[in-house]
Amino acid sequence: MVISVRISDEEGYLVKAYAAKCGLSVSQFMRKAVYDQFDNDYTLTKEEMEVVRELTSYDPEAKI
């Protein structure tokens, strides 16, 4: 799946620079940011996370 996000040139520069500082590609950095936000917003128990995985067909081994 491809998701496009439009940001300004300045924001793009900041994202690229920060991702590089973290040793990540922009894709890895953005993915991590999204997952971190999910984690901040939703604290799920192990059982609840299993339900989410089943409902979304989440495969932790799949390449994103």
C-alpha atoms as a PDB file:
ATOM      1  CA  MET A   1       0.000   0.000   0.000  1.00  0.00           C
ATOM      2  CA  VAL A   2       1.198   3.497  -0.771  1.00  0.00           C
ATOM      3  CA  ILE A   3       0.091   6.508   1.248  1.00  0.00           C
ATOM      4  CA  SER A   4       1.033   9.972   0.003  1.00  0.00           C
ATOM      5  CA  VAL A   5       1.503  12.909   2.326  1.00  0.00           C
ATOM      6  CA  ARG A   6       2.035  16.457   1.091  1.00  0.00           C
ATOM      7  CA  ILE A   7       4.369  18.603   3.145  1.00  0.00           C
ATOM      8  CA  SER A   8       6.271  21.793   2.471  1.00  0.00           C
ATOM      9  CA  ASP A   9       9.864  21.751   1.248  1.00  0.00           C
ATOM     10  CA  GLU A  10      11.008  22.942   4.671  1.00  0.00           C
ATOM     11  CA  GLU A  11       9.066  20.180   6.447  1.00  0.00           C
ATOM     12  CA  GLY A  12      10.447  17.635   3.970  1.00  0.00           C
ATOM     13  CA  TYR A  13      13.985  18.762   4.676  1.00  0.00           C
ATOM     14  CA  LEU A  14      13.388  18.465   8.430  1.00  0.00           C
ATOM     15  CA  VAL A  15      11.856  14.987   8.098  1.00  0.00           C
ATOM     16  CA  LYS A  16      14.724  13.756   5.902  1.00  0.00           C
ATOM     17  CA  ALA A  17      17.365  15.259   8.185  1.00  0.00           C
ATOM     18  CA  TYR A  18      15.811  13.855  11.359  1.00  0.00           C
ATOM     19  CA  ALA A  19      15.298  10.416   9.801  1.00  0.00           C
ATOM     20  CA  ALA A  20      18.953  10.375   8.721  1.00  0.00           C
ATOM     21  CA  LYS A  21      20.025  11.453  12.218  1.00  0.00           C
ATOM     22  CA  CYS A  22      18.091   8.465  13.587  1.00  0.00           C
ATOM     23  CA  GLY A  23      19.673   6.130  11.022  1.00  0.00           C
ATOM     24  CA  LEU A  24      16.337   5.474   9.327  1.00  0.00           C
ATOM     25  CA  SER A  25      14.935   5.905   5.849  1.00  0.00           C
ATOM     26  CA  VAL A  26      12.067   8.381   5.557  1.00  0.00           C
ATOM     27  CA  SER A  27       9.649   5.441   5.172  1.00  0.00           C
ATOM     28  CA  GLN A  28      10.981   3.739   8.294  1.00  0.00           C
ATOM     29  CA  PHE A  29      10.868   7.008  10.219  1.00  0.00           C
ATOM     30  CA  MET A  30       7.275   7.785   9.191  1.00  0.00           C
ATOM     31  CA  ARG A  31       6.143   4.229   9.960  1.00  0.00           C
ATOM     32  CA  LYS A  32       7.763   4.420  13.388  1.00  0.00           C
ATOM     33  CA  ALA A  33       6.142   7.806  14.038  1.00  0.00           C
ATOM     34  CA  VAL A  34       2.700   6.424  13.205  1.00  0.00           C
ATOM     35  CA  TYR A  35       3.165   3.345  15.396  1.00  0.00           C
ATOM     36  CA  ASP A  36       4.504   5.493  18.237  1.00  0.00           C
ATOM     37  CA  GLN A  37       1.421   7.700  17.972  1.00  0.00           C
ATOM     38  CA  PHE A  38      -0.842   4.650  18.089  1.00  0.00           C
ATOM     39  CA  ASP A  39       1.047   3.493  21.148  1.00  0.00           C
ATOM     40  CA  ASN A  40       0.641   6.901  22.797  1.00  0.00           C
ATOM     41  CA  ASP A  41      -3.076   7.098  22.031  1.00  0.00           C
ATOM     42  CA  TYR A  42      -4.049   3.510  22.683  1.00  0.00           C
ATOM     43  CA  THR A  43      -2.640   1.314  25.381  1.00  0.00           C
ATOM     44  CA  LEU A  44      -3.813  -2.173  24.526  1.00  0.00           C
ATOM     45  CA  THR A  45      -3.443  -5.311  26.548  1.00  0.00           C
ATOM     46  CA  LYS A  46      -1.846  -8.320  24.874  1.00  0.00           C
ATOM     47  CA  GLU A  47      -5.299  -9.834  24.378  1.00  0.00           C
ATOM     48  CA  GLU A  48      -6.682  -6.637  22.834  1.00  0.00           C
ATOM     49  CA  MET A  49      -3.713  -6.449  20.478  1.00  0.00           C
ATOM     50  CA  GLU A  50      -4.414 -10.005  19.339  1.00  0.00           C
ATOM     51  CA  VAL A  51      -7.984  -8.969  18.496  1.00  0.00           C
ATOM     52  CA  VAL A  52      -6.661  -6.006  16.477  1.00  0.00           C
ATOM     53  CA  ARG A  53      -4.269  -8.305  14.611  1.00  0.00           C
ATOM     54  CA  GLU A  54      -7.084 -10.719  13.803  1.00  0.00           C
ATOM     55  CA  LEU A  55      -9.444  -7.956  12.658  1.00  0.00           C
ATOM     56  CA  THR A  56      -6.833  -6.275  10.475  1.00  0.00           C
ATOM     57  CA  SER A  57      -5.078  -9.427   9.297  1.00  0.00           C
ATOM     58  CA  TYR A  58      -1.938  -7.907  10.769  1.00  0.00           C
ATOM     59  CA  ASP A  59       1.157  -9.935  10.018  1.00  0.00           C
ATOM     60  CA  PRO A  60       4.190  -8.716  11.986  1.00  0.00           C
ATOM     61  CA  GLU A  61       6.460 -10.596   9.552  1.00  0.00           C
ATOM     62  CA  ALA A  62       5.037  -8.851   6.490  1.00  0.00           C
ATOM     63  CA  LYS A  63       7.009  -6.048   4.895  1.00  0.00           C
ATOM     64  CA  ILE A  64       5.205  -2.755   5.183  1.00  0.00           C
END
